[in-house]
Amino acid sequence: MKILIADDEIYVRVELRSLLEDLVPSAEIIEAGNGTELDNALQEDYFNLVFLDIRMPGASGLEVLEKNFKRHQNTVFIIVSGYSDFEYARKALRLDVTEYMLKPVDRKELSEVLGRVIPLVELHRSEEKDISSRLIRDAETIIYKRYKEVIGVAQIADELHVSPNYLSSQFKKQKGMTLTSYITDLRLKTASEMLKLPGANIKNISESLGYQSSRHFARLFKEKFGCTPSEYSEMSRV
């Protein structure tokens, strides 16, 4: 389980981390000290459970949540605040915040809250696996359609409406290799087949596969196949 704690008061983060490490010892815990750090964390990664303060420098917790909510619909959000204002609570509920806790958080209350939300977290985790698998399938579809163009992680992530870091981490987790390596591997395998054809032109092949430099293409090809494109082409026709 991956947990994010977002609060501008360091003693609150330290205390909450200590309680969570005791109550959920297997969890990976990340901290954010202001609204900007919270926003960056939610843009770049996925969390199962997020504890966030309302008022923080940079942007409020609710502002950041509102901005990122659609992308994190399988994340359980818990407000931890010193404010019991009804308007804050009403807005939090509209954003589907699961729990609203007041500071200071004590062990008994946190234990009760975790008892209520962890089953929901586990349900979302199973759903996230399906979402992640679908994301990778969609990425592969784009790659197979456009791998001969100049395309990279940023363009694919933009088409899939996710952050490049999130796409990269999910792709490597499922495929065992980076997305860039996957594209390169596909291009080089295609090149190896094209080099077997009579009259194969290395420069034309490299350009047709999205390489702007035939020298760069030749270096990558040799790293994969142990010989230059010219040598491979000659051996294929023997």
Protein backbone atom coordinates (compact mmCIF):
# COMPACT_ATOMS: atom_id res chain seq x y z
CA MET A 1 0.00 0.00 0.00
CA LYS A 2 1.28 3.46 -0.90
CA ILE A 3 0.31 6.34 1.41
CA LEU A 4 0.83 10.09 0.96
CA ILE A 5 0.80 12.51 3.91
CA ALA A 6 0.38 16.18 2.92
CA ASP A 7 0.68 18.77 5.69
CA ASP A 8 2.78 21.92 6.05
CA GLU A 9 3.40 21.27 9.76
CA ILE A 10 6.33 18.90 10.08
CA TYR A 11 5.40 17.70 13.56
CA VAL A 12 1.98 16.63 12.23
CA ARG A 13 3.63 14.65 9.43
CA VAL A 14 6.10 13.04 11.83
CA GLU A 15 3.37 12.04 14.29
CA LEU A 16 1.03 10.72 11.60
CA ARG A 17 3.85 8.80 9.90
CA SER A 18 4.80 7.23 13.24
CA LEU A 19 1.22 6.10 13.87
CA LEU A 20 0.80 4.75 10.33
CA GLU A 21 4.11 2.87 10.44
CA ASP A 22 2.86 1.16 13.58
CA LEU A 23 -0.69 0.47 12.34
CA VAL A 24 0.17 -0.33 8.69
CA PRO A 25 3.79 -1.56 8.86
CA SER A 26 3.90 -2.78 5.24
CA ALA A 27 2.93 0.61 3.78
CA GLU A 28 5.25 2.83 1.76
CA ILE A 29 4.81 6.38 3.07
CA ILE A 30 5.61 9.58 1.14
CA GLU A 31 5.38 13.13 2.51
CA ALA A 32 4.47 16.50 0.96
CA GLY A 33 5.05 19.73 2.88
CA ASN A 34 2.87 22.14 0.89
CA GLY A 35 0.24 22.37 -1.83
CA THR A 36 2.78 22.43 -4.65
CA GLU A 37 4.51 19.27 -3.43
CA LEU A 38 1.11 17.60 -3.04
CA ASP A 39 0.15 18.57 -6.59
CA ASN A 40 3.46 17.29 -7.98
CA ALA A 41 3.11 13.99 -6.12
CA LEU A 42 -0.42 13.42 -7.44
CA GLN A 43 0.65 14.35 -10.96
CA GLU A 44 3.61 11.98 -10.98
CA ASP A 45 2.48 8.97 -8.97
CA TYR A 46 -0.48 6.93 -7.78
CA PHE A 47 -1.39 6.50 -4.10
CA ASN A 48 -3.83 4.14 -2.44
CA LEU A 49 -4.44 6.42 0.54
CA VAL A 50 -3.88 10.17 0.96
CA PHE A 51 -4.03 12.18 4.19
CA LEU A 52 -4.16 15.88 3.39
CA ASP A 53 -4.45 19.14 5.26
CA ILE A 54 -6.83 21.83 4.01
CA ARG A 55 -4.72 24.95 4.42
CA MET A 56 -1.17 24.75 3.10
CA PRO A 57 1.25 27.16 1.38
CA GLY A 58 1.08 27.12 -2.41
CA ALA A 59 -2.46 25.78 -2.68
CA SER A 60 -5.05 24.35 -0.33
CA GLY A 61 -5.49 20.62 -0.05
CA LEU A 62 -9.01 20.89 -1.46
CA GLU A 63 -7.83 22.95 -4.45
CA VAL A 64 -5.20 20.35 -5.31
CA LEU A 65 -7.69 17.53 -4.77
CA GLU A 66 -10.23 19.20 -7.05
CA LYS A 67 -7.58 19.55 -9.76
CA ASN A 68 -6.44 15.92 -9.56
CA PHE A 69 -9.61 14.13 -8.49
CA LYS A 70 -10.58 12.66 -11.88
CA ARG A 71 -7.20 10.98 -12.26
CA HIS A 72 -7.31 9.54 -8.73
CA GLN A 73 -10.83 8.20 -8.45
CA ASN A 74 -9.51 4.94 -6.99
CA THR A 75 -7.55 6.75 -4.27
CA VAL A 76 -9.02 7.07 -0.77
CA PHE A 77 -8.68 10.66 0.49
CA ILE A 78 -8.83 11.61 4.18
CA ILE A 79 -8.87 15.24 5.31
CA VAL A 80 -6.83 15.93 8.45
CA SER A 81 -7.42 19.51 9.53
CA GLY A 82 -7.61 21.89 12.45
CA TYR A 83 -10.75 23.41 10.92
CA SER A 84 -14.22 22.05 11.62
CA ASP A 85 -15.92 24.59 9.34
CA PHE A 86 -19.03 23.17 7.67
CA GLU A 87 -18.16 24.66 4.26
CA TYR A 88 -14.85 22.79 4.22
CA ALA A 89 -16.61 19.57 5.15
CA ARG A 90 -19.31 20.12 2.51
CA LYS A 91 -16.75 20.72 -0.25
CA ALA A 92 -14.73 17.70 0.88
CA LEU A 93 -17.81 15.49 0.66
CA ARG A 94 -18.56 16.82 -2.83
CA LEU A 95 -15.07 15.67 -3.86
CA ASP A 96 -15.84 12.23 -2.42
CA VAL A 97 -13.43 12.53 0.51
CA THR A 98 -13.92 9.37 2.55
CA GLU A 99 -13.14 10.69 6.05
CA TYR A 100 -12.74 14.09 7.72
CA MET A 101 -10.52 14.03 10.82
CA LEU A 102 -9.68 16.90 13.17
CA LYS A 103 -6.21 17.55 14.56
CA PRO A 104 -4.62 16.37 16.70
CA VAL A 105 -5.07 12.82 15.45
CA ASP A 106 -4.91 10.17 18.14
CA ARG A 107 -4.08 6.51 17.71
CA LYS A 108 -7.54 5.19 18.61
CA GLU A 109 -9.36 7.42 16.11
CA LEU A 110 -6.84 6.68 13.35
CA SER A 111 -7.13 2.95 14.00
CA GLU A 112 -10.92 3.16 13.68
CA VAL A 113 -10.67 5.19 10.46
CA LEU A 114 -8.20 2.72 8.95
CA GLY A 115 -10.52 -0.12 9.88
CA ARG A 116 -13.24 1.55 7.81
CA VAL A 117 -11.16 2.58 4.78
CA ILE A 118 -8.69 -0.28 4.28
CA PRO A 119 -11.36 -2.63 2.81
CA LEU A 120 -12.15 0.16 0.32
CA VAL A 121 -8.44 0.61 -0.42
CA GLU A 122 -8.09 -3.12 -1.14
CA LEU A 123 -11.12 -3.02 -3.45
CA HIS A 124 -9.64 -0.06 -5.33
CA ARG A 125 -6.27 -1.80 -5.58
CA SER A 126 -7.84 -4.71 -7.45
CA GLU A 127 -9.66 -2.26 -9.72
CA GLU A 128 -6.42 -0.33 -10.29
CA LYS A 129 -4.74 -3.47 -11.62
CA ASP A 130 -7.44 -3.69 -14.30
CA ILE A 131 -7.10 0.02 -15.10
CA SER A 132 -3.31 -0.29 -15.31
CA SER A 133 -3.56 -3.29 -17.65
CA ARG A 134 -5.95 -1.36 -19.89
CA LEU A 135 -3.59 1.64 -19.87
CA ILE A 136 -0.67 -0.52 -21.03
CA ARG A 137 -2.79 -2.13 -23.75
CA ASP A 138 -3.79 1.32 -24.98
CA ALA A 139 -0.15 2.45 -24.92
CA GLU A 140 0.88 -0.61 -26.96
CA THR A 141 -1.85 0.13 -29.50
CA ILE A 142 -0.50 3.66 -29.97
CA ILE A 143 3.07 2.34 -30.22
CA TYR A 144 2.22 -0.22 -32.91
CA LYS A 145 0.37 2.40 -34.93
CA ARG A 146 3.04 5.09 -34.62
CA TYR A 147 6.41 3.51 -33.80
CA LYS A 148 7.74 4.54 -37.21
CA GLU A 149 7.20 8.18 -36.27
CA VAL A 150 9.22 10.33 -33.87
CA ILE A 151 7.27 9.48 -30.74
CA GLY A 152 8.15 9.11 -27.08
CA VAL A 153 6.74 8.76 -23.59
CA ALA A 154 5.47 12.36 -23.36
CA GLN A 155 3.36 12.15 -26.53
CA ILE A 156 1.87 8.77 -25.61
CA ALA A 157 1.10 9.90 -22.05
CA ASP A 158 -0.58 13.03 -23.40
CA GLU A 159 -2.84 10.96 -25.66
CA LEU A 160 -3.77 8.72 -22.72
CA HIS A 161 -4.30 11.70 -20.36
CA VAL A 162 -1.82 10.51 -17.73
CA SER A 163 1.53 11.86 -16.56
CA PRO A 164 4.70 10.56 -18.30
CA ASN A 165 6.10 9.37 -14.96
CA TYR A 166 2.96 7.39 -14.15
CA LEU A 167 2.84 5.79 -17.60
CA SER A 168 6.55 4.93 -17.44
CA SER A 169 6.31 3.34 -13.99
CA GLN A 170 3.21 1.29 -14.88
CA PHE A 171 4.69 0.18 -18.21
CA LYS A 172 7.93 -1.01 -16.64
CA LYS A 173 6.06 -2.75 -13.83
CA GLN A 174 3.96 -4.76 -16.30
CA LYS A 175 6.35 -5.26 -19.23
CA GLY A 176 9.67 -5.50 -17.38
CA MET A 177 11.27 -2.86 -19.58
CA THR A 178 10.98 0.87 -20.13
CA LEU A 179 8.56 2.22 -22.69
CA THR A 180 11.46 3.78 -24.62
CA SER A 181 13.27 0.42 -24.73
CA TYR A 182 10.06 -1.23 -25.93
CA ILE A 183 9.75 1.21 -28.84
CA THR A 184 13.44 0.83 -29.70
CA ASP A 185 13.18 -2.96 -29.62
CA LEU A 186 10.17 -2.92 -31.94
CA ARG A 187 11.92 -0.57 -34.38
CA LEU A 188 15.10 -2.66 -34.46
CA LYS A 189 13.23 -5.92 -35.00
CA THR A 190 11.39 -4.29 -37.90
CA ALA A 191 14.70 -2.99 -39.25
CA SER A 192 16.22 -6.48 -39.12
CA GLU A 193 13.41 -7.77 -41.36
CA MET A 194 13.76 -4.85 -43.77
CA LEU A 195 17.52 -5.41 -44.04
CA LYS A 196 16.89 -8.90 -45.43
CA LEU A 197 15.18 -7.46 -48.49
CA PRO A 198 17.11 -7.01 -51.76
CA GLY A 199 18.41 -3.48 -52.26
CA ALA A 200 17.93 -2.53 -48.60
CA ASN A 201 19.14 1.02 -47.97
CA ILE A 202 20.27 1.63 -44.38
CA LYS A 203 19.69 5.39 -44.45
CA ASN A 204 16.17 4.99 -45.84
CA ILE A 205 15.36 2.27 -43.32
CA SER A 206 16.56 4.34 -40.37
CA GLU A 207 14.55 7.37 -41.51
CA SER A 208 11.43 5.28 -42.14
CA LEU A 209 11.60 4.06 -38.53
CA GLY A 210 11.76 7.53 -37.01
CA TYR A 211 15.54 7.84 -36.60
CA GLN A 212 16.87 11.24 -37.57
CA SER A 213 20.46 9.96 -37.51
CA SER A 214 21.52 6.80 -39.34
CA ARG A 215 24.64 6.72 -37.15
CA HIS A 216 22.49 6.59 -34.01
CA PHE A 217 20.39 3.85 -35.60
CA ALA A 218 23.51 1.84 -36.48
CA ARG A 219 24.83 2.10 -32.92
CA LEU A 220 21.55 0.86 -31.42
CA PHE A 221 21.35 -1.93 -33.99
CA LYS A 222 24.84 -3.16 -33.17
CA GLU A 223 24.09 -3.09 -29.43
CA LYS A 224 21.11 -5.38 -30.01
CA PHE A 225 22.35 -7.72 -32.75
CA GLY A 226 26.12 -7.61 -32.26
CA CYS A 227 26.85 -6.42 -35.79
CA THR A 228 26.28 -3.35 -37.94
CA PRO A 229 23.21 -3.06 -40.19
CA SER A 230 25.48 -3.52 -43.25
CA GLU A 231 26.99 -6.71 -41.84
CA TYR A 232 23.55 -8.02 -40.90
CA SER A 233 22.21 -7.29 -44.38
CA GLU A 234 25.12 -9.11 -46.04
CA MET A 235 24.83 -12.15 -43.73
CA SER A 236 21.09 -12.38 -44.39
CA ARG A 237 21.66 -12.76 -48.12
CA VAL A 238 24.37 -15.44 -47.88
